[in-house]
């Protein structure tokens, strides 16, 4: 009988939200931008010091708003 009561109380506690830990992100408006990066890393081969090397990273805005890129840093 004690076990059944504990089970019922535990179930009630969980249903009431007391035993659930969740993090919710801020909901984004439907008009918000959304950046997708098909590639986030690129390994350069060895080069001679002073040689100019480049690589283009593609960014696709799949959201409805204007995507503004304000800071770019190298790793």
PDB file of N, CA and C in Angstrom:
ATOM      1  N   UNK A   1       0.821  -1.193   0.000  1.00  0.00           N
ATOM      2  CA  UNK A   1       0.000   0.000   0.000  1.00  0.00           C
ATOM      3  C   UNK A   1       0.872   1.267   0.000  1.00  0.00           C
ATOM      4  N   UNK A   2       1.954   1.261   0.775  1.00  0.00           N
ATOM      5  CA  UNK A   2       2.855   2.405   0.805  1.00  0.00           C
ATOM      6  C   UNK A   2       3.490   2.650  -0.558  1.00  0.00           C
ATOM      7  N   UNK A   3       3.857   1.559  -1.242  1.00  0.00           N
ATOM      8  CA  UNK A   3       4.491   1.690  -2.555  1.00  0.00           C
ATOM      9  C   UNK A   3       3.534   2.279  -3.572  1.00  0.00           C
ATOM     10  N   UNK A   4       2.294   1.866  -3.516  1.00  0.00           N
ATOM     11  CA  UNK A   4       1.296   2.386  -4.450  1.00  0.00           C
ATOM     12  C   UNK A   4       1.085   3.874  -4.219  1.00  0.00           C
ATOM     13  N   UNK A   5       1.034   4.305  -2.967  1.00  0.00           N
ATOM     14  CA  UNK A   5       0.856   5.717  -2.663  1.00  0.00           C
ATOM     15  C   UNK A   5       2.054   6.527  -3.132  1.00  0.00           C
ATOM     16  N   UNK A   6       3.265   6.012  -2.912  1.00  0.00           N
ATOM     17  CA  UNK A   6       4.468   6.700  -3.376  1.00  0.00           C
ATOM     18  C   UNK A   6       4.490   6.806  -4.896  1.00  0.00           C
ATOM     19  N   UNK A   7       4.056   5.755  -5.574  1.00  0.00           N
ATOM     20  CA  UNK A   7       4.017   5.756  -7.032  1.00  0.00           C
ATOM     21  C   UNK A   7       3.040   6.812  -7.539  1.00  0.00           C
ATOM     22  N   UNK A   8       1.880   6.899  -6.915  1.00  0.00           N
ATOM     23  CA  UNK A   8       0.868   7.882  -7.319  1.00  0.00           C
ATOM     24  C   UNK A   8       1.386   9.299  -7.062  1.00  0.00           C
ATOM     25  N   UNK A   9       1.989   9.519  -5.898  1.00  0.00           N
ATOM     26  CA  UNK A   9       2.514  10.846  -5.588  1.00  0.00           C
ATOM     27  C   UNK A   9       3.654  11.237  -6.521  1.00  0.00           C
ATOM     28  N   UNK A  10       4.524  10.280  -6.840  1.00  0.00           N
ATOM     29  CA  UNK A  10       5.618  10.549  -7.769  1.00  0.00           C
ATOM     30  C   UNK A  10       5.075  10.894  -9.149  1.00  0.00           C
ATOM     31  N   UNK A  11       4.089  10.140  -9.612  1.00  0.00           N
ATOM     32  CA  UNK A  11       3.463  10.425 -10.909  1.00  0.00           C
ATOM     33  C   UNK A  11       2.832  11.800 -10.938  1.00  0.00           C
ATOM     34  N   UNK A  12       2.133  12.158  -9.844  1.00  0.00           N
ATOM     35  CA  UNK A  12       1.518  13.481  -9.769  1.00  0.00           C
ATOM     36  C   UNK A  12       2.581  14.573  -9.808  1.00  0.00           C
ATOM     37  N   UNK A  13       3.660  14.367  -9.053  1.00  0.00           N
ATOM     38  CA  UNK A  13       4.744  15.339  -9.010  1.00  0.00           C
ATOM     39  C   UNK A  13       5.346  15.547 -10.396  1.00  0.00           C
ATOM     40  N   UNK A  14       5.572  14.449 -11.127  1.00  0.00           N
ATOM     41  CA  UNK A  14       6.136  14.559 -12.475  1.00  0.00           C
ATOM     42  C   UNK A  14       5.162  15.229 -13.431  1.00  0.00           C
ATOM     43  N   UNK A  15       3.888  14.878 -13.339  1.00  0.00           N
ATOM     44  CA  UNK A  15       2.887  15.493 -14.212  1.00  0.00           C
ATOM     45  C   UNK A  15       2.739  16.981 -13.927  1.00  0.00           C
ATOM     46  N   UNK A  16       2.931  17.361 -12.676  1.00  0.00           N
ATOM     47  CA  UNK A  16       2.815  18.771 -12.308  1.00  0.00           C
ATOM     48  C   UNK A  16       4.030  19.577 -12.765  1.00  0.00           C
ATOM     49  N   UNK A  17       5.055  18.890 -13.243  1.00  0.00           N
ATOM     50  CA  UNK A  17       6.227  19.587 -13.751  1.00  0.00           C
ATOM     51  C   UNK A  17       7.339  19.730 -12.739  1.00  0.00           C
ATOM     52  N   UNK A  18       7.155  19.233 -11.548  1.00  0.00           N
ATOM     53  CA  UNK A  18       8.161  19.381 -10.511  1.00  0.00           C
ATOM     54  C   UNK A  18       9.402  18.564 -10.763  1.00  0.00           C
ATOM     55  N   UNK A  19       9.297  17.462 -11.476  1.00  0.00           N
ATOM     56  CA  UNK A  19      10.450  16.610 -11.692  1.00  0.00           C
ATOM     57  C   UNK A  19      11.025  16.709 -13.080  1.00  0.00           C
ATOM     58  N   UNK A  20      10.579  17.658 -13.843  1.00  0.00           N
ATOM     59  CA  UNK A  20      11.040  17.786 -15.222  1.00  0.00           C
ATOM     60  C   UNK A  20      11.931  19.017 -15.330  1.00  0.00           C
ATOM     61  N   UNK A  21      13.126  18.806 -15.804  1.00  0.00           N
ATOM     62  CA  UNK A  21      14.045  19.921 -16.029  1.00  0.00           C
ATOM     63  C   UNK A  21      14.197  20.075 -17.533  1.00  0.00           C
ATOM     64  N   UNK A  22      13.833  21.217 -18.038  1.00  0.00           N
ATOM     65  CA  UNK A  22      13.926  21.458 -19.474  1.00  0.00           C
ATOM     66  C   UNK A  22      14.377  22.887 -19.707  1.00  0.00           C
ATOM     67  N   UNK A  23      15.133  23.070 -20.753  1.00  0.00           N
ATOM     68  CA  UNK A  23      15.506  24.419 -21.147  1.00  0.00           C
ATOM     69  C   UNK A  23      14.776  24.740 -22.443  1.00  0.00           C
ATOM     70  N   UNK A  24      14.124  25.848 -22.453  1.00  0.00           N
ATOM     71  CA  UNK A  24      13.381  26.257 -23.640  1.00  0.00           C
ATOM     72  C   UNK A  24      14.090  27.435 -24.272  1.00  0.00           C
ATOM     73  N   UNK A  25      14.320  27.350 -25.556  1.00  0.00           N
ATOM     74  CA  UNK A  25      14.927  28.473 -26.254  1.00  0.00           C
ATOM     75  C   UNK A  25      13.841  29.497 -26.564  1.00  0.00           C
ATOM     76  N   UNK A  26      14.269  30.696 -26.794  1.00  0.00           N
ATOM     77  CA  UNK A  26      13.325  31.748 -27.124  1.00  0.00           C
ATOM     78  C   UNK A  26      12.679  31.433 -28.466  1.00  0.00           C
ATOM     79  N   UNK A  27      11.368  31.497 -28.564  1.00  0.00           N
ATOM     80  CA  UNK A  27      10.730  31.258 -29.860  1.00  0.00           C
ATOM     81  C   UNK A  27      11.110  32.358 -30.844  1.00  0.00           C
ATOM     82  N   UNK A  28      11.424  31.963 -32.049  1.00  0.00           N
ATOM     83  CA  UNK A  28      11.808  32.918 -33.078  1.00  0.00           C
ATOM     84  C   UNK A  28      10.581  33.279 -33.914  1.00  0.00           C
ATOM     85  N   UNK A  29      10.431  34.551 -34.229  1.00  0.00           N
ATOM     86  CA  UNK A  29       9.299  34.925 -35.080  1.00  0.00           C
ATOM     87  C   UNK A  29       9.435  34.293 -36.461  1.00  0.00           C
ATOM     88  N   UNK A  30       8.323  34.115 -37.130  1.00  0.00           N
ATOM     89  CA  UNK A  30       8.318  33.486 -38.453  1.00  0.00           C
ATOM     90  C   UNK A  30       9.135  34.285 -39.464  1.00  0.00           C
ATOM     91  N   UNK A  31       9.337  35.563 -39.202  1.00  0.00           N
ATOM     92  CA  UNK A  31      10.075  36.408 -40.142  1.00  0.00           C
ATOM     93  C   UNK A  31      11.568  36.473 -39.819  1.00  0.00           C
ATOM     94  N   UNK A  32      12.056  35.671 -38.879  1.00  0.00           N
ATOM     95  CA  UNK A  32      13.462  35.724 -38.473  1.00  0.00           C
ATOM     96  C   UNK A  32      14.363  35.055 -39.508  1.00  0.00           C
ATOM     97  N   UNK A  33      15.613  35.523 -39.621  1.00  0.00           N
ATOM     98  CA  UNK A  33      16.573  34.850 -40.498  1.00  0.00           C
ATOM     99  C   UNK A  33      17.057  33.552 -39.853  1.00  0.00           C
ATOM    100  N   UNK A  34      17.556  32.638 -40.660  1.00  0.00           N
ATOM    101  CA  UNK A  34      18.129  31.390 -40.152  1.00  0.00           C
ATOM    102  C   UNK A  34      19.298  31.005 -41.048  1.00  0.00           C
ATOM    103  N   UNK A  35      20.508  30.989 -40.474  1.00  0.00           N
ATOM    104  CA  UNK A  35      21.709  30.680 -41.252  1.00  0.00           C
ATOM    105  C   UNK A  35      21.980  29.186 -41.235  1.00  0.00           C
ATOM    106  N   UNK A  36      22.266  28.624 -42.389  1.00  0.00           N
ATOM    107  CA  UNK A  36      22.688  27.228 -42.510  1.00  0.00           C
ATOM    108  C   UNK A  36      24.073  27.199 -43.125  1.00  0.00           C
ATOM    109  N   UNK A  37      24.951  26.391 -42.521  1.00  0.00           N
ATOM    110  CA  UNK A  37      26.340  26.282 -42.962  1.00  0.00           C
ATOM    111  C   UNK A  37      26.607  24.852 -43.399  1.00  0.00           C
ATOM    112  N   UNK A  38      26.674  24.575 -44.707  1.00  0.00           N
ATOM    113  CA  UNK A  38      26.979  23.215 -45.154  1.00  0.00           C
ATOM    114  C   UNK A  38      28.363  22.754 -44.705  1.00  0.00           C
ATOM    115  N   UNK A  39      29.298  23.685 -44.534  1.00  0.00           N
ATOM    116  CA  UNK A  39      30.662  23.364 -44.122  1.00  0.00           C
ATOM    117  C   UNK A  39      31.093  24.386 -43.085  1.00  0.00           C
ATOM    118  N   UNK A  40      31.586  23.919 -41.935  1.00  0.00           N
ATOM    119  CA  UNK A  40      32.001  24.842 -40.887  1.00  0.00           C
ATOM    120  C   UNK A  40      33.495  24.786 -40.598  1.00  0.00           C
ATOM    121  N   UNK A  41      34.215  23.910 -41.292  1.00  0.00           N
ATOM    122  CA  UNK A  41      35.641  23.765 -41.034  1.00  0.00           C
ATOM    123  C   UNK A  41      36.351  23.413 -42.330  1.00  0.00           C
ATOM    124  N   UNK A  42      37.552  23.919 -42.476  1.00  0.00           N
ATOM    125  CA  UNK A  42      38.372  23.598 -43.645  1.00  0.00           C
ATOM    126  C   UNK A  42      39.821  23.511 -43.196  1.00  0.00           C
ATOM    127  N   UNK A  43      40.482  22.411 -43.517  1.00  0.00           N
ATOM    128  CA  UNK A  43      41.890  22.208 -43.157  1.00  0.00           C
ATOM    129  C   UNK A  43      42.761  22.535 -44.365  1.00  0.00           C
ATOM    130  N   UNK A  44      43.617  23.545 -44.228  1.00  0.00           N
ATOM    131  CA  UNK A  44      44.532  23.912 -45.296  1.00  0.00           C
ATOM    132  C   UNK A  44      45.718  22.961 -45.299  1.00  0.00           C
ATOM    133  N   UNK A  45      46.259  22.705 -46.484  1.00  0.00           N
ATOM    134  CA  UNK A  45      47.493  21.930 -46.599  1.00  0.00           C
ATOM    135  C   UNK A  45      48.656  22.806 -46.147  1.00  0.00           C
ATOM    136  N   UNK A  46      49.826  22.226 -46.019  1.00  0.00           N
ATOM    137  CA  UNK A  46      51.010  23.001 -45.670  1.00  0.00           C
ATOM    138  C   UNK A  46      51.340  23.945 -46.818  1.00  0.00           C
ATOM    139  N   UNK A  47      51.717  25.171 -46.449  1.00  0.00           N
ATOM    140  CA  UNK A  47      52.066  26.177 -47.451  1.00  0.00           C
ATOM    141  C   UNK A  47      53.352  26.879 -47.049  1.00  0.00           C
ATOM    142  N   UNK A  48      53.978  27.498 -48.015  1.00  0.00           N
ATOM    143  CA  UNK A  48      55.174  28.283 -47.764  1.00  0.00           C
ATOM    144  C   UNK A  48      54.742  29.582 -47.093  1.00  0.00           C
ATOM    145  N   UNK A  49      55.487  30.000 -46.079  1.00  0.00           N
ATOM    146  CA  UNK A  49      55.171  31.224 -45.355  1.00  0.00           C
ATOM    147  C   UNK A  49      55.069  32.402 -46.321  1.00  0.00           C
ATOM    148  N   UNK A  50      53.999  33.181 -46.177  1.00  0.00           N
ATOM    149  CA  UNK A  50      53.798  34.353 -47.030  1.00  0.00           C
ATOM    150  C   UNK A  50      52.886  34.089 -48.225  1.00  0.00           C
ATOM    151  N   UNK A  51      52.546  32.822 -48.481  1.00  0.00           N
ATOM    152  CA  UNK A  51      51.669  32.491 -49.600  1.00  0.00           C
ATOM    153  C   UNK A  51      50.225  32.861 -49.254  1.00  0.00           C
ATOM    154  N   UNK A  52      49.548  33.524 -50.186  1.00  0.00           N
ATOM    155  CA  UNK A  52      48.146  33.882 -49.989  1.00  0.00           C
ATOM    156  C   UNK A  52      47.280  32.660 -50.243  1.00  0.00           C
ATOM    157  N   UNK A  53      46.473  32.289 -49.261  1.00  0.00           N
ATOM    158  CA  UNK A  53      45.555  31.163 -49.424  1.00  0.00           C
ATOM    159  C   UNK A  53      44.153  31.628 -49.039  1.00  0.00           C
ATOM    160  N   UNK A  54      43.155  31.109 -49.722  1.00  0.00           N
ATOM    161  CA  UNK A  54      41.768  31.484 -49.436  1.00  0.00           C
ATOM    162  C   UNK A  54      40.876  30.256 -49.483  1.00  0.00           C
ATOM    163  N   UNK A  55      39.727  30.378 -48.865  1.00  0.00           N
ATOM    164  CA  UNK A  55      38.680  29.367 -48.953  1.00  0.00           C
ATOM    165  C   UNK A  55      37.343  30.071 -48.749  1.00  0.00           C
ATOM    166  N   UNK A  56      36.382  29.774 -49.576  1.00  0.00           N
ATOM    167  CA  UNK A  56      35.051  30.375 -49.459  1.00  0.00           C
ATOM    168  C   UNK A  56      34.132  29.448 -48.678  1.00  0.00           C
ATOM    169  N   UNK A  57      33.471  29.992 -47.650  1.00  0.00           N
ATOM    170  CA  UNK A  57      32.451  29.265 -46.910  1.00  0.00           C
ATOM    171  C   UNK A  57      31.088  29.754 -47.381  1.00  0.00           C
ATOM    172  N   UNK A  58      30.221  28.835 -47.695  1.00  0.00           N
ATOM    173  CA  UNK A  58      28.880  29.197 -48.151  1.00  0.00           C
ATOM    174  C   UNK A  58      27.946  29.290 -46.949  1.00  0.00           C
ATOM    175  N   UNK A  59      27.097  30.298 -46.950  1.00  0.00           N
ATOM    176  CA  UNK A  59      26.086  30.498 -45.924  1.00  0.00           C
ATOM    177  C   UNK A  59      24.759  30.677 -46.643  1.00  0.00           C
ATOM    178  N   UNK A  60      23.751  29.922 -46.227  1.00  0.00           N
ATOM    179  CA  UNK A  60      22.436  30.033 -46.851  1.00  0.00           C
ATOM    180  C   UNK A  60      21.431  30.507 -45.813  1.00  0.00           C
ATOM    181  N   UNK A  61      20.698  31.551 -46.140  1.00  0.00           N
ATOM    182  CA  UNK A  61      19.647  32.051 -45.269  1.00  0.00           C
ATOM    183  C   UNK A  61      18.357  31.322 -45.625  1.00  0.00           C
ATOM    184  N   UNK A  62      17.931  30.413 -44.749  1.00  0.00           N
ATOM    185  CA  UNK A  62      16.698  29.666 -45.008  1.00  0.00           C
ATOM    186  C   UNK A  62      15.511  30.281 -44.275  1.00  0.00           C
ATOM    187  N   UNK A  63      15.737  31.395 -43.585  1.00  0.00           N
ATOM    188  CA  UNK A  63      14.650  32.088 -42.909  1.00  0.00           C
ATOM    189  C   UNK A  63      14.031  33.125 -43.822  1.00  0.00           C
ATOM    190  N   UNK A  64      13.089  33.858 -43.270  1.00  0.00           N
ATOM    191  CA  UNK A  64      12.377  34.857 -44.066  1.00  0.00           C
ATOM    192  C   UNK A  64      12.949  36.263 -43.878  1.00  0.00           C
ATOM    193  N   UNK A  65      13.669  36.497 -42.793  1.00  0.00           N
ATOM    194  CA  UNK A  65      14.221  37.828 -42.535  1.00  0.00           C
ATOM    195  C   UNK A  65      15.577  38.014 -43.188  1.00  0.00           C
ATOM    196  N   UNK A  66      16.071  39.231 -43.144  1.00  0.00           N
ATOM    197  CA  UNK A  66      17.384  39.556 -43.690  1.00  0.00           C
ATOM    198  C   UNK A  66      18.459  39.070 -42.731  1.00  0.00           C
ATOM    199  N   UNK A  67      19.386  38.300 -43.249  1.00  0.00           N
ATOM    200  CA  UNK A  67      20.484  37.787 -42.441  1.00  0.00           C
ATOM    201  C   UNK A  67      21.635  38.777 -42.495  1.00  0.00           C
ATOM    202  N   UNK A  68      22.026  39.300 -41.338  1.00  0.00           N
ATOM    203  CA  UNK A  68      23.135  40.240 -41.255  1.00  0.00           C
ATOM    204  C   UNK A  68      24.293  39.566 -40.541  1.00  0.00           C
ATOM    205  N   UNK A  69      25.469  39.569 -41.173  1.00  0.00           N
ATOM    206  CA  UNK A  69      26.664  39.003 -40.574  1.00  0.00           C
ATOM    207  C   UNK A  69      27.493  40.171 -40.071  1.00  0.00           C
ATOM    208  N   UNK A  70      27.661  40.232 -38.743  1.00  0.00           N
ATOM    209  CA  UNK A  70      28.327  41.403 -38.187  1.00  0.00           C
ATOM    210  C   UNK A  70      29.742  41.140 -37.693  1.00  0.00           C
ATOM    211  N   UNK A  71      30.080  39.890 -37.350  1.00  0.00           N
ATOM    212  CA  UNK A  71      31.424  39.584 -36.869  1.00  0.00           C
ATOM    213  C   UNK A  71      31.904  38.278 -37.483  1.00  0.00           C
ATOM    214  N   UNK A  72      33.119  38.285 -37.969  1.00  0.00           N
ATOM    215  CA  UNK A  72      33.737  37.084 -38.511  1.00  0.00           C
ATOM    216  C   UNK A  72      35.099  36.939 -37.860  1.00  0.00           C
ATOM    217  N   UNK A  73      35.379  35.769 -37.283  1.00  0.00           N
ATOM    218  CA  UNK A  73      36.679  35.525 -36.660  1.00  0.00           C
ATOM    219  C   UNK A  73      37.237  34.216 -37.157  1.00  0.00           C
ATOM    220  N   UNK A  74      38.546  34.158 -37.255  1.00  0.00           N
ATOM    221  CA  UNK A  74      39.199  32.908 -37.601  1.00  0.00           C
ATOM    222  C   UNK A  74      39.511  32.141 -36.324  1.00  0.00           C
ATOM    223  N   UNK A  75      39.662  30.846 -36.462  1.00  0.00           N
ATOM    224  CA  UNK A  75      39.901  30.014 -35.290  1.00  0.00           C
ATOM    225  C   UNK A  75      41.324  29.983 -34.953  1.00  0.00           C
TER     226      UNK A  75
END
